[in-house]
C-alpha cells in the first residue's frame, strides 16, 4: 500500500504511517518526524513500538465524517491502549 493513494474509505481499520502519508500530502519521512514530535494532524496509535493510524481518525481529518462516525466503535482508542499503546 505504501506510496499509493487509494480511496481512504477502503483502507483497513488500522494502518501504518507510510500508508497515511499520501493522504496527508506528506512524505513518509515527514509523517514519521511529525508523529515522533506529536505534530501529526491525526492521532497516532502505538501497537507495541509500531506507530499506526486509525482509518476513522484519517476520515475525520479528511472531512469524511459520515463513515468515520459509524466506525468509531470498531477500533476504539481504549482498545489500542490495552494492547500496548502509549
PDB file of N, CA and C in Angstrom:
ATOM      1  N   UNK A   1       0.808  -1.203   0.000  1.00  0.00           N
ATOM      2  CA  UNK A   1       0.000   0.000   0.000  1.00  0.00           C
ATOM      3  C   UNK A   1       0.847   1.260   0.000  1.00  0.00           C
ATOM      4  N   UNK A   2       1.920   1.319   0.661  1.00  0.00           N
ATOM      5  CA  UNK A   2       2.889   2.392   0.775  1.00  0.00           C
ATOM      6  C   UNK A   2       2.600   3.743   0.159  1.00  0.00           C
ATOM      7  N   UNK A   3       3.179   4.031  -1.017  1.00  0.00           N
ATOM      8  CA  UNK A   3       3.111   5.358  -1.623  1.00  0.00           C
ATOM      9  C   UNK A   3       1.829   5.606  -2.409  1.00  0.00           C
ATOM     10  N   UNK A   4       1.029   4.607  -2.628  1.00  0.00           N
ATOM     11  CA  UNK A   4      -0.162   4.740  -3.450  1.00  0.00           C
ATOM     12  C   UNK A   4      -1.309   5.342  -2.654  1.00  0.00           C
ATOM     13  N   UNK A   5      -1.924   6.352  -3.251  1.00  0.00           N
ATOM     14  CA  UNK A   5      -3.071   6.993  -2.606  1.00  0.00           C
ATOM     15  C   UNK A   5      -4.335   6.306  -3.096  1.00  0.00           C
ATOM     16  N   UNK A   6      -4.956   5.531  -2.234  1.00  0.00           N
ATOM     17  CA  UNK A   6      -6.194   4.825  -2.555  1.00  0.00           C
ATOM     18  C   UNK A   6      -7.346   5.548  -1.873  1.00  0.00           C
ATOM     19  N   UNK A   7      -8.558   5.140  -2.191  1.00  0.00           N
ATOM     20  CA  UNK A   7      -9.726   5.707  -1.520  1.00  0.00           C
ATOM     21  C   UNK A   7      -9.580   5.412  -0.028  1.00  0.00           C
ATOM     22  N   UNK A   8      -9.506   6.423   0.820  1.00  0.00           N
ATOM     23  CA  UNK A   8      -9.265   6.175   2.243  1.00  0.00           C
ATOM     24  C   UNK A   8     -10.355   5.350   2.913  1.00  0.00           C
ATOM     25  N   UNK A   9     -11.541   5.329   2.328  1.00  0.00           N
ATOM     26  CA  UNK A   9     -12.630   4.532   2.901  1.00  0.00           C
ATOM     27  C   UNK A   9     -12.392   3.040   2.729  1.00  0.00           C
ATOM     28  N   UNK A  10     -11.439   2.669   1.846  1.00  0.00           N
ATOM     29  CA  UNK A  10     -11.143   1.252   1.615  1.00  0.00           C
ATOM     30  C   UNK A  10      -9.934   0.771   2.415  1.00  0.00           C
ATOM     31  N   UNK A  11      -9.319   1.655   3.168  1.00  0.00           N
ATOM     32  CA  UNK A  11      -8.162   1.268   3.981  1.00  0.00           C
ATOM     33  C   UNK A  11      -8.602   0.365   5.131  1.00  0.00           C
ATOM     34  N   UNK A  12      -7.677  -0.452   5.644  1.00  0.00           N
ATOM     35  CA  UNK A  12      -8.025  -1.264   6.823  1.00  0.00           C
ATOM     36  C   UNK A  12      -8.270  -0.361   8.030  1.00  0.00           C
ATOM     37  N   UNK A  13      -8.908  -0.877   9.066  1.00  0.00           N
ATOM     38  CA  UNK A  13      -9.219  -0.045  10.241  1.00  0.00           C
ATOM     39  C   UNK A  13      -7.989   0.553  10.921  1.00  0.00           C
ATOM     40  N   UNK A  14      -6.854  -0.092  10.786  1.00  0.00           N
ATOM     41  CA  UNK A  14      -5.616   0.376  11.414  1.00  0.00           C
ATOM     42  C   UNK A  14      -4.488   0.129  10.424  1.00  0.00           C
ATOM     43  N   UNK A  15      -3.653   1.140  10.180  1.00  0.00           N
ATOM     44  CA  UNK A  15      -2.587   1.007   9.186  1.00  0.00           C
ATOM     45  C   UNK A  15      -1.384   1.852   9.577  1.00  0.00           C
ATOM     46  N   UNK A  16      -0.274   1.569   8.929  1.00  0.00           N
ATOM     47  CA  UNK A  16       0.983   2.242   9.243  1.00  0.00           C
ATOM     48  C   UNK A  16       1.057   3.671   8.721  1.00  0.00           C
ATOM     49  N   UNK A  17       2.049   4.383   9.213  1.00  0.00           N
ATOM     50  CA  UNK A  17       2.232   5.785   8.840  1.00  0.00           C
ATOM     51  C   UNK A  17       2.548   5.953   7.362  1.00  0.00           C
ATOM     52  N   UNK A  18       3.257   4.981   6.765  1.00  0.00           N
ATOM     53  CA  UNK A  18       3.590   5.074   5.345  1.00  0.00           C
ATOM     54  C   UNK A  18       2.333   5.081   4.487  1.00  0.00           C
ATOM     55  N   UNK A  19       1.307   4.380   4.915  1.00  0.00           N
ATOM     56  CA  UNK A  19       0.033   4.356   4.182  1.00  0.00           C
ATOM     57  C   UNK A  19      -0.682   5.697   4.348  1.00  0.00           C
ATOM     58  N   UNK A  20      -0.570   6.298   5.520  1.00  0.00           N
ATOM     59  CA  UNK A  20      -1.241   7.574   5.785  1.00  0.00           C
ATOM     60  C   UNK A  20      -0.580   8.741   5.044  1.00  0.00           C
ATOM     61  N   UNK A  21       0.704   8.652   4.794  1.00  0.00           N
ATOM     62  CA  UNK A  21       1.470   9.768   4.229  1.00  0.00           C
ATOM     63  C   UNK A  21       0.840  10.403   2.988  1.00  0.00           C
ATOM     64  N   UNK A  22       0.512   9.628   1.941  1.00  0.00           N
ATOM     65  CA  UNK A  22      -0.040  10.300   0.752  1.00  0.00           C
ATOM     66  C   UNK A  22      -1.393  10.970   0.997  1.00  0.00           C
ATOM     67  N   UNK A  23      -2.167  10.473   1.933  1.00  0.00           N
ATOM     68  CA  UNK A  23      -3.468  11.071   2.242  1.00  0.00           C
ATOM     69  C   UNK A  23      -3.305  12.383   2.997  1.00  0.00           C
ATOM     70  N   UNK A  24      -2.164  12.539   3.645  1.00  0.00           N
ATOM     71  CA  UNK A  24      -1.872  13.773   4.378  1.00  0.00           C
ATOM     72  C   UNK A  24      -1.042  14.734   3.541  1.00  0.00           C
ATOM     73  N   UNK A  25      -0.764  14.334   2.299  1.00  0.00           N
ATOM     74  CA  UNK A  25       0.086  15.114   1.386  1.00  0.00           C
ATOM     75  C   UNK A  25       1.451  15.409   1.995  1.00  0.00           C
ATOM     76  N   UNK A  26       2.006  14.384   2.647  1.00  0.00           N
ATOM     77  CA  UNK A  26       3.318  14.493   3.271  1.00  0.00           C
ATOM     78  C   UNK A  26       4.190  13.322   2.824  1.00  0.00           C
ATOM     79  N   UNK A  27       5.485  13.508   2.889  1.00  0.00           N
ATOM     80  CA  UNK A  27       6.397  12.407   2.601  1.00  0.00           C
ATOM     81  C   UNK A  27       6.400  11.449   3.792  1.00  0.00           C
ATOM     82  N   UNK A  28       6.873  10.241   3.552  1.00  0.00           N
ATOM     83  CA  UNK A  28       6.979   9.276   4.656  1.00  0.00           C
ATOM     84  C   UNK A  28       7.871   9.832   5.759  1.00  0.00           C
ATOM     85  N   UNK A  29       8.988  10.434   5.366  1.00  0.00           N
ATOM     86  CA  UNK A  29       9.924  10.980   6.356  1.00  0.00           C
ATOM     87  C   UNK A  29       9.257  12.064   7.202  1.00  0.00           C
ATOM     88  N   UNK A  30       8.481  12.920   6.555  1.00  0.00           N
ATOM     89  CA  UNK A  30       7.795  13.992   7.291  1.00  0.00           C
ATOM     90  C   UNK A  30       6.762  13.429   8.243  1.00  0.00           C
ATOM     91  N   UNK A  31       6.025  12.408   7.803  1.00  0.00           N
ATOM     92  CA  UNK A  31       4.999  11.801   8.657  1.00  0.00           C
ATOM     93  C   UNK A  31       5.642  11.185   9.891  1.00  0.00           C
ATOM     94  N   UNK A  32       6.733  10.447   9.711  1.00  0.00           N
ATOM     95  CA  UNK A  32       7.403   9.837  10.863  1.00  0.00           C
ATOM     96  C   UNK A  32       7.966  10.900  11.805  1.00  0.00           C
ATOM     97  N   UNK A  33       8.551  11.961  11.251  1.00  0.00           N
ATOM     98  CA  UNK A  33       9.102  13.034  12.087  1.00  0.00           C
ATOM     99  C   UNK A  33       7.995  13.728  12.878  1.00  0.00           C
ATOM    100  N   UNK A  34       6.885  14.036  12.223  1.00  0.00           N
ATOM    101  CA  UNK A  34       5.777  14.689  12.914  1.00  0.00           C
ATOM    102  C   UNK A  34       5.153  13.773  13.966  1.00  0.00           C
ATOM    103  N   UNK A  35       5.055  12.502  13.663  1.00  0.00           N
ATOM    104  CA  UNK A  35       4.477  11.553  14.620  1.00  0.00           C
ATOM    105  C   UNK A  35       5.332  11.474  15.880  1.00  0.00           C
ATOM    106  N   UNK A  36       6.634  11.501  15.719  1.00  0.00           N
ATOM    107  CA  UNK A  36       7.536  11.405  16.875  1.00  0.00           C
ATOM    108  C   UNK A  36       7.459  12.637  17.771  1.00  0.00           C
ATOM    109  N   UNK A  37       7.101  13.781  17.186  1.00  0.00           N
ATOM    110  CA  UNK A  37       7.025  15.015  17.974  1.00  0.00           C
ATOM    111  C   UNK A  37       5.599  15.373  18.378  1.00  0.00           C
ATOM    112  N   UNK A  38       4.634  14.531  17.980  1.00  0.00           N
ATOM    113  CA  UNK A  38       3.243  14.814  18.311  1.00  0.00           C
ATOM    114  C   UNK A  38       2.608  15.839  17.400  1.00  0.00           C
ATOM    115  N   UNK A  39       3.215  16.121  16.256  1.00  0.00           N
ATOM    116  CA  UNK A  39       2.703  17.149  15.364  1.00  0.00           C
ATOM    117  C   UNK A  39       1.874  16.642  14.203  1.00  0.00           C
ATOM    118  N   UNK A  40       1.597  15.353  14.150  1.00  0.00           N
ATOM    119  CA  UNK A  40       0.789  14.804  13.064  1.00  0.00           C
ATOM    120  C   UNK A  40      -0.657  15.252  13.242  1.00  0.00           C
ATOM    121  N   UNK A  41      -1.354  15.610  12.165  1.00  0.00           N
ATOM    122  CA  UNK A  41      -2.725  16.114  12.313  1.00  0.00           C
ATOM    123  C   UNK A  41      -3.764  15.041  12.650  1.00  0.00           C
ATOM    124  N   UNK A  42      -3.352  13.795  12.768  1.00  0.00           N
ATOM    125  CA  UNK A  42      -4.237  12.705  13.199  1.00  0.00           C
ATOM    126  C   UNK A  42      -3.563  11.994  14.366  1.00  0.00           C
ATOM    127  N   UNK A  43      -4.346  11.433  15.278  1.00  0.00           N
ATOM    128  CA  UNK A  43      -3.751  10.724  16.414  1.00  0.00           C
ATOM    129  C   UNK A  43      -2.961   9.491  15.961  1.00  0.00           C
ATOM    130  N   UNK A  44      -1.910   9.199  16.686  1.00  0.00           N
ATOM    131  CA  UNK A  44      -1.098   8.018  16.426  1.00  0.00           C
ATOM    132  C   UNK A  44      -1.398   6.987  17.508  1.00  0.00           C
ATOM    133  N   UNK A  45      -1.594   5.754  17.081  1.00  0.00           N
ATOM    134  CA  UNK A  45      -1.840   4.643  17.992  1.00  0.00           C
ATOM    135  C   UNK A  45      -0.595   3.768  17.986  1.00  0.00           C
ATOM    136  N   UNK A  46      -0.095   3.431  19.148  1.00  0.00           N
ATOM    137  CA  UNK A  46       1.062   2.547  19.234  1.00  0.00           C
ATOM    138  C   UNK A  46       0.594   1.113  19.417  1.00  0.00           C
ATOM    139  N   UNK A  47       1.085   0.248  18.556  1.00  0.00           N
ATOM    140  CA  UNK A  47       0.862  -1.183  18.686  1.00  0.00           C
ATOM    141  C   UNK A  47       2.249  -1.757  18.924  1.00  0.00           C
ATOM    142  N   UNK A  48       2.541  -2.008  20.188  1.00  0.00           N
ATOM    143  CA  UNK A  48       3.921  -2.318  20.555  1.00  0.00           C
ATOM    144  C   UNK A  48       4.736  -1.059  20.334  1.00  0.00           C
ATOM    145  N   UNK A  49       5.772  -1.159  19.519  1.00  0.00           N
ATOM    146  CA  UNK A  49       6.585   0.018  19.209  1.00  0.00           C
ATOM    147  C   UNK A  49       6.221   0.616  17.852  1.00  0.00           C
ATOM    148  N   UNK A  50       5.278   0.007  17.164  1.00  0.00           N
ATOM    149  CA  UNK A  50       4.888   0.483  15.833  1.00  0.00           C
ATOM    150  C   UNK A  50       3.820   1.564  15.924  1.00  0.00           C
ATOM    151  N   UNK A  51       4.000   2.592  15.109  1.00  0.00           N
ATOM    152  CA  UNK A  51       3.044   3.697  15.074  1.00  0.00           C
ATOM    153  C   UNK A  51       2.028   3.438  13.967  1.00  0.00           C
ATOM    154  N   UNK A  52       0.752   3.555  14.325  1.00  0.00           N
ATOM    155  CA  UNK A  52      -0.345   3.293  13.399  1.00  0.00           C
ATOM    156  C   UNK A  52      -1.335   4.451  13.424  1.00  0.00           C
ATOM    157  N   UNK A  53      -2.189   4.487  12.423  1.00  0.00           N
ATOM    158  CA  UNK A  53      -3.265   5.469  12.324  1.00  0.00           C
ATOM    159  C   UNK A  53      -4.567   4.699  12.151  1.00  0.00           C
ATOM    160  N   UNK A  54      -5.599   5.152  12.847  1.00  0.00           N
ATOM    161  CA  UNK A  54      -6.920   4.534  12.670  1.00  0.00           C
ATOM    162  C   UNK A  54      -7.600   5.176  11.464  1.00  0.00           C
ATOM    163  N   UNK A  55      -8.260   4.360  10.666  1.00  0.00           N
ATOM    164  CA  UNK A  55      -8.988   4.865   9.497  1.00  0.00           C
ATOM    165  C   UNK A  55     -10.007   5.919   9.925  1.00  0.00           C
ATOM    166  N   UNK A  56     -10.692   5.697  11.023  1.00  0.00           N
ATOM    167  CA  UNK A  56     -11.711   6.641  11.485  1.00  0.00           C
ATOM    168  C   UNK A  56     -11.107   8.026  11.714  1.00  0.00           C
ATOM    169  N   UNK A  57      -9.896   8.087  12.254  1.00  0.00           N
ATOM    170  CA  UNK A  57      -9.250   9.387  12.503  1.00  0.00           C
ATOM    171  C   UNK A  57      -8.836  10.061  11.194  1.00  0.00           C
ATOM    172  N   UNK A  58      -8.321   9.271  10.244  1.00  0.00           N
ATOM    173  CA  UNK A  58      -7.951   9.839   8.949  1.00  0.00           C
ATOM    174  C   UNK A  58      -9.192  10.351   8.221  1.00  0.00           C
ATOM    175  N   UNK A  59     -10.276   9.584   8.262  1.00  0.00           N
ATOM    176  CA  UNK A  59     -11.512  10.011   7.599  1.00  0.00           C
ATOM    177  C   UNK A  59     -12.045  11.305   8.200  1.00  0.00           C
ATOM    178  N   UNK A  60     -11.968  11.424   9.513  1.00  0.00           N
ATOM    179  CA  UNK A  60     -12.405  12.676  10.165  1.00  0.00           C
ATOM    180  C   UNK A  60     -11.554  13.843   9.692  1.00  0.00           C
ATOM    181  N   UNK A  61     -10.230  13.645   9.649  1.00  0.00           N
ATOM    182  CA  UNK A  61      -9.328  14.703   9.214  1.00  0.00           C
ATOM    183  C   UNK A  61      -9.620  15.122   7.777  1.00  0.00           C
ATOM    184  N   UNK A  62      -9.952  14.157   6.940  1.00  0.00           N
ATOM    185  CA  UNK A  62     -10.224  14.432   5.532  1.00  0.00           C
ATOM    186  C   UNK A  62     -11.640  14.956   5.288  1.00  0.00           C
ATOM    187  N   UNK A  63     -12.437  15.038   6.346  1.00  0.00           N
ATOM    188  CA  UNK A  63     -13.796  15.549   6.213  1.00  0.00           C
ATOM    189  C   UNK A  63     -14.795  14.513   5.746  1.00  0.00           C
ATOM    190  N   UNK A  64     -14.454  13.266   5.909  1.00  0.00           N
ATOM    191  CA  UNK A  64     -15.354  12.177   5.526  1.00  0.00           C
ATOM    192  C   UNK A  64     -15.992  11.598   6.780  1.00  0.00           C
ATOM    193  N   UNK A  65     -16.606  12.466   7.577  1.00  0.00           N
ATOM    194  CA  UNK A  65     -17.116  12.109   8.895  1.00  0.00           C
ATOM    195  C   UNK A  65     -18.267  11.117   8.891  1.00  0.00           C
ATOM    196  N   UNK A  66     -19.058  11.052   7.822  1.00  0.00           N
ATOM    197  CA  UNK A  66     -20.215  10.165   7.829  1.00  0.00           C
ATOM    198  C   UNK A  66     -19.817   8.729   8.114  1.00  0.00           C
ATOM    199  N   UNK A  67     -18.842   8.219   7.390  1.00  0.00           N
ATOM    200  CA  UNK A  67     -18.400   6.850   7.630  1.00  0.00           C
ATOM    201  C   UNK A  67     -17.596   6.772   8.923  1.00  0.00           C
ATOM    202  N   UNK A  68     -16.841   7.798   9.211  1.00  0.00           N
ATOM    203  CA  UNK A  68     -16.000   7.794  10.402  1.00  0.00           C
ATOM    204  C   UNK A  68     -16.823   7.657  11.672  1.00  0.00           C
ATOM    205  N   UNK A  69     -17.970   8.312  11.736  1.00  0.00           N
ATOM    206  CA  UNK A  69     -18.766   8.265  12.960  1.00  0.00           C
ATOM    207  C   UNK A  69     -19.305   6.864  13.229  1.00  0.00           C
ATOM    208  N   UNK A  70     -19.599   6.111  12.181  1.00  0.00           N
ATOM    209  CA  UNK A  70     -20.099   4.754  12.382  1.00  0.00           C
ATOM    210  C   UNK A  70     -18.974   3.782  12.696  1.00  0.00           C
ATOM    211  N   UNK A  71     -17.746   4.140  12.366  1.00  0.00           N
ATOM    212  CA  UNK A  71     -16.603   3.266  12.614  1.00  0.00           C
ATOM    213  C   UNK A  71     -15.943   3.509  13.962  1.00  0.00           C
ATOM    214  N   UNK A  72     -16.270   4.574  14.622  1.00  0.00           N
ATOM    215  CA  UNK A  72     -15.554   4.964  15.833  1.00  0.00           C
ATOM    216  C   UNK A  72     -15.510   3.875  16.889  1.00  0.00           C
ATOM    217  N   UNK A  73     -16.529   3.049  16.933  1.00  0.00           N
ATOM    218  CA  UNK A  73     -16.544   1.988  17.930  1.00  0.00           C
ATOM    219  C   UNK A  73     -15.887   0.706  17.439  1.00  0.00           C
ATOM    220  N   UNK A  74     -15.545   0.636  16.153  1.00  0.00           N
ATOM    221  CA  UNK A  74     -14.952  -0.584  15.592  1.00  0.00           C
ATOM    222  C   UNK A  74     -13.570  -0.857  16.172  1.00  0.00           C
ATOM    223  N   UNK A  75     -12.769   0.181  16.390  1.00  0.00           N
ATOM    224  CA  UNK A  75     -11.448   0.022  16.972  1.00  0.00           C
ATOM    225  C   UNK A  75     -11.182   1.226  17.869  1.00  0.00           C
ATOM    226  N   UNK A  76     -11.804   1.242  19.032  1.00  0.00           N
ATOM    227  CA  UNK A  76     -11.656   2.403  19.919  1.00  0.00           C
ATOM    228  C   UNK A  76     -10.227   2.566  20.407  1.00  0.00           C
ATOM    229  N   UNK A  77      -9.865   3.808  20.687  1.00  0.00           N
ATOM    230  CA  UNK A  77      -8.515   4.086  21.204  1.00  0.00           C
ATOM    231  C   UNK A  77      -8.250   3.328  22.493  1.00  0.00           C
ATOM    232  N   UNK A  78      -9.281   3.148  23.314  1.00  0.00           N
ATOM    233  CA  UNK A  78      -9.086   2.442  24.575  1.00  0.00           C
ATOM    234  C   UNK A  78      -8.642   1.010  24.330  1.00  0.00           C
ATOM    235  N   UNK A  79      -9.134   0.368  23.279  1.00  0.00           N
ATOM    236  CA  UNK A  79      -8.720  -0.978  22.937  1.00  0.00           C
ATOM    237  C   UNK A  79      -7.253  -0.986  22.541  1.00  0.00           C
ATOM    238  N   UNK A  80      -6.846   0.014  21.768  1.00  0.00           N
ATOM    239  CA  UNK A  80      -5.458   0.104  21.361  1.00  0.00           C
ATOM    240  C   UNK A  80      -4.556   0.278  22.588  1.00  0.00           C
ATOM    241  N   UNK A  81      -4.993   1.082  23.546  1.00  0.00           N
ATOM    242  CA  UNK A  81      -4.203   1.293  24.757  1.00  0.00           C
ATOM    243  C   UNK A  81      -4.028  -0.005  25.529  1.00  0.00           C
ATOM    244  N   UNK A  82      -5.076  -0.816  25.544  1.00  0.00           N
ATOM    245  CA  UNK A  82      -4.987  -2.107  26.242  1.00  0.00           C
ATOM    246  C   UNK A  82      -3.990  -3.040  25.573  1.00  0.00           C
ATOM    247  N   UNK A  83      -3.698  -2.779  24.314  1.00  0.00           N
ATOM    248  CA  UNK A  83      -2.809  -3.651  23.560  1.00  0.00           C
ATOM    249  C   UNK A  83      -1.473  -2.985  23.296  1.00  0.00           C
ATOM    250  N   UNK A  84      -1.006  -2.180  24.224  1.00  0.00           N
ATOM    251  CA  UNK A  84       0.351  -1.650  24.140  1.00  0.00           C
ATOM    252  C   UNK A  84       0.492  -0.243  23.650  1.00  0.00           C
ATOM    253  N   UNK A  85      -0.574   0.499  23.485  1.00  0.00           N
ATOM    254  CA  UNK A  85      -0.452   1.878  23.052  1.00  0.00           C
ATOM    255  C   UNK A  85       0.084   2.740  24.181  1.00  0.00           C
ATOM    256  N   UNK A  86       0.828   3.757  23.787  1.00  0.00           N
ATOM    257  CA  UNK A  86       1.389   4.676  24.792  1.00  0.00           C
ATOM    258  C   UNK A  86       0.398   5.731  25.179  1.00  0.00           C
TER     259      UNK A  86
END
